[in-house]
């Protein structure tokens, strides 16, 4: 696809990601999702957007941290390409941007989590060079 622009979304515009985020997370209420996203911007978080003209068609959150086993790492999170634009190679373009960006700011690795039932994403991430290292566990209080 031509005319795709990929860039970081300014914190002041972060709520523009909510419609795409809702495609991935249908169970969290809009008000809670909004509150959490606003809080995330106060932590080690940024969001990259993929735009076609002025339309936001893809997103990936980016968490910045240092891990003892891999060094400085960027963790893509809540990766979503709008359903109307899937299977057009846009995910690959988005991850190429993320990899180049990470390297340009001195990061050594990228790691991520994906839902167990999202089998298509497993294939995509493995094709992008990711290796399965373990399990991600969650306990909500």
Protein backbone atom coordinates (compact mmCIF):
# COMPACT_ATOMS: atom_id res chain seq x y z
CA UNK A 1 0.00 0.00 0.00
CA UNK A 2 1.21 3.45 -0.89
CA UNK A 3 0.95 6.64 1.16
CA UNK A 4 1.33 4.91 4.52
CA UNK A 5 2.92 7.04 7.24
CA UNK A 6 4.22 5.49 10.45
CA UNK A 7 5.00 7.74 13.39
CA UNK A 8 4.78 8.05 17.15
CA UNK A 9 1.44 9.36 18.37
CA UNK A 10 1.88 12.36 20.70
CA UNK A 11 0.64 11.74 24.25
CA UNK A 12 -1.91 14.54 23.83
CA UNK A 13 -3.52 12.52 20.99
CA UNK A 14 -3.30 9.10 22.66
CA UNK A 15 -7.06 8.62 22.96
CA UNK A 16 -7.29 8.38 19.16
CA UNK A 17 -6.12 4.76 19.56
CA UNK A 18 -9.24 3.69 21.49
CA UNK A 19 -11.35 2.49 18.50
CA UNK A 20 -8.53 0.22 17.29
CA UNK A 21 -7.71 -0.88 20.81
CA UNK A 22 -11.35 -1.85 21.25
CA UNK A 23 -11.02 -4.26 18.27
CA UNK A 24 -8.48 -6.19 20.32
CA UNK A 25 -10.04 -5.75 23.76
CA UNK A 26 -13.81 -6.10 23.60
CA UNK A 27 -14.35 -6.89 27.30
CA UNK A 28 -12.91 -3.81 29.05
CA UNK A 29 -15.36 -0.91 29.33
CA UNK A 30 -14.65 2.26 27.38
CA UNK A 31 -14.20 4.33 30.53
CA UNK A 32 -11.71 1.88 32.09
CA UNK A 33 -9.83 1.55 28.80
CA UNK A 34 -9.57 5.34 28.52
CA UNK A 35 -8.36 5.67 32.13
CA UNK A 36 -5.73 2.95 31.66
CA UNK A 37 -4.42 4.36 28.38
CA UNK A 38 -4.04 7.82 29.92
CA UNK A 39 -2.18 6.32 32.88
CA UNK A 40 0.09 4.32 30.54
CA UNK A 41 1.34 7.57 29.00
CA UNK A 42 2.79 8.52 32.39
CA UNK A 43 4.90 5.37 32.44
CA UNK A 44 7.59 4.02 30.06
CA UNK A 45 5.10 3.84 27.18
CA UNK A 46 4.64 5.31 23.73
CA UNK A 47 2.35 4.35 20.88
CA UNK A 48 3.20 4.18 17.21
CA UNK A 49 0.48 4.74 14.64
CA UNK A 50 0.10 3.73 11.03
CA UNK A 51 -1.81 6.29 8.99
CA UNK A 52 -3.37 6.20 5.54
CA UNK A 53 -3.86 9.87 4.75
CA UNK A 54 -5.26 11.07 8.09
CA UNK A 55 -6.93 7.77 9.04
CA UNK A 56 -5.34 5.77 11.87
CA UNK A 57 -5.34 2.20 10.54
CA UNK A 58 -2.81 0.48 12.79
CA UNK A 59 -1.22 0.82 16.21
CA UNK A 60 1.32 -0.74 18.47
CA UNK A 61 2.05 0.29 21.98
CA UNK A 62 5.74 0.33 22.88
CA UNK A 63 7.04 -0.35 26.37
CA UNK A 64 10.67 0.58 27.09
CA UNK A 65 12.62 -1.41 29.68
CA UNK A 66 15.84 -3.20 30.49
CA UNK A 67 15.83 -6.94 31.16
CA UNK A 68 18.69 -8.87 32.76
CA UNK A 69 18.56 -11.53 30.02
CA UNK A 70 18.45 -9.37 26.88
CA UNK A 71 19.37 -5.79 27.77
CA UNK A 72 17.46 -2.74 26.59
CA UNK A 73 14.25 -3.94 24.97
CA UNK A 74 11.16 -2.51 23.37
CA UNK A 75 8.00 -4.51 23.93
CA UNK A 76 5.31 -4.05 21.26
CA UNK A 77 1.90 -4.33 22.90
CA UNK A 78 -1.69 -4.24 21.67
CA UNK A 79 -0.72 -4.50 18.01
CA UNK A 80 -3.79 -3.91 15.87
CA UNK A 81 -4.29 -3.35 12.17
CA UNK A 82 -7.83 -2.22 11.34
CA UNK A 83 -9.86 -5.16 10.05
CA UNK A 84 -10.38 -3.40 6.69
CA UNK A 85 -6.61 -3.30 6.10
CA UNK A 86 -5.44 -6.71 7.26
CA UNK A 87 -3.56 -9.18 5.06
CA UNK A 88 -1.96 -6.40 3.01
CA UNK A 89 1.56 -6.55 4.46
CA UNK A 90 0.99 -3.63 6.83
CA UNK A 91 1.93 -5.56 9.96
CA UNK A 92 5.30 -6.32 8.41
CA UNK A 93 5.80 -2.63 7.59
CA UNK A 94 4.86 -1.65 11.12
CA UNK A 95 7.36 -4.08 12.63
CA UNK A 96 10.12 -2.98 10.25
CA UNK A 97 9.55 0.55 11.57
CA UNK A 98 9.60 -0.66 15.20
CA UNK A 99 12.85 -2.60 14.67
CA UNK A 100 14.57 0.37 13.00
CA UNK A 101 13.30 2.78 15.64
CA UNK A 102 14.48 0.52 18.48
CA UNK A 103 17.95 0.24 16.99
CA UNK A 104 18.14 3.99 16.29
CA UNK A 105 17.65 4.78 19.99
CA UNK A 106 20.13 2.17 21.21
CA UNK A 107 17.88 -0.74 22.07
CA UNK A 108 19.16 -4.31 21.72
CA UNK A 109 16.04 -6.44 21.52
CA UNK A 110 12.30 -6.60 21.19
CA UNK A 111 9.99 -9.02 22.94
CA UNK A 112 6.24 -9.37 23.15
CA UNK A 113 3.26 -11.30 24.44
CA UNK A 114 0.38 -12.58 22.35
CA UNK A 115 -2.88 -14.24 23.27
CA UNK A 116 -2.85 -18.04 23.16
CA UNK A 117 -5.94 -18.18 20.95
CA UNK A 118 -4.55 -15.67 18.42
CA UNK A 119 -2.85 -18.34 16.31
CA UNK A 120 -2.48 -16.09 13.25
CA UNK A 121 -0.36 -13.71 15.29
CA UNK A 122 1.92 -16.57 16.39
CA UNK A 123 2.76 -17.35 12.77
CA UNK A 124 3.26 -13.66 11.98
CA UNK A 125 5.63 -13.07 14.91
CA UNK A 126 7.62 -16.22 14.20
CA UNK A 127 8.00 -15.06 10.58
CA UNK A 128 9.34 -11.77 11.97
CA UNK A 129 12.06 -13.67 13.85
CA UNK A 130 10.54 -13.95 17.32
CA UNK A 131 11.19 -17.15 19.28
CA UNK A 132 8.95 -18.61 21.98
CA UNK A 133 10.75 -18.44 25.33
CA UNK A 134 8.11 -19.22 27.91
CA UNK A 135 4.63 -18.56 29.20
CA UNK A 136 3.08 -15.31 30.36
CA UNK A 137 0.97 -15.65 33.51
CA UNK A 138 -1.54 -13.17 34.90
CA UNK A 139 -3.22 -12.98 38.29
CA UNK A 140 -5.79 -10.26 38.83
CA UNK A 141 -6.49 -9.25 42.43
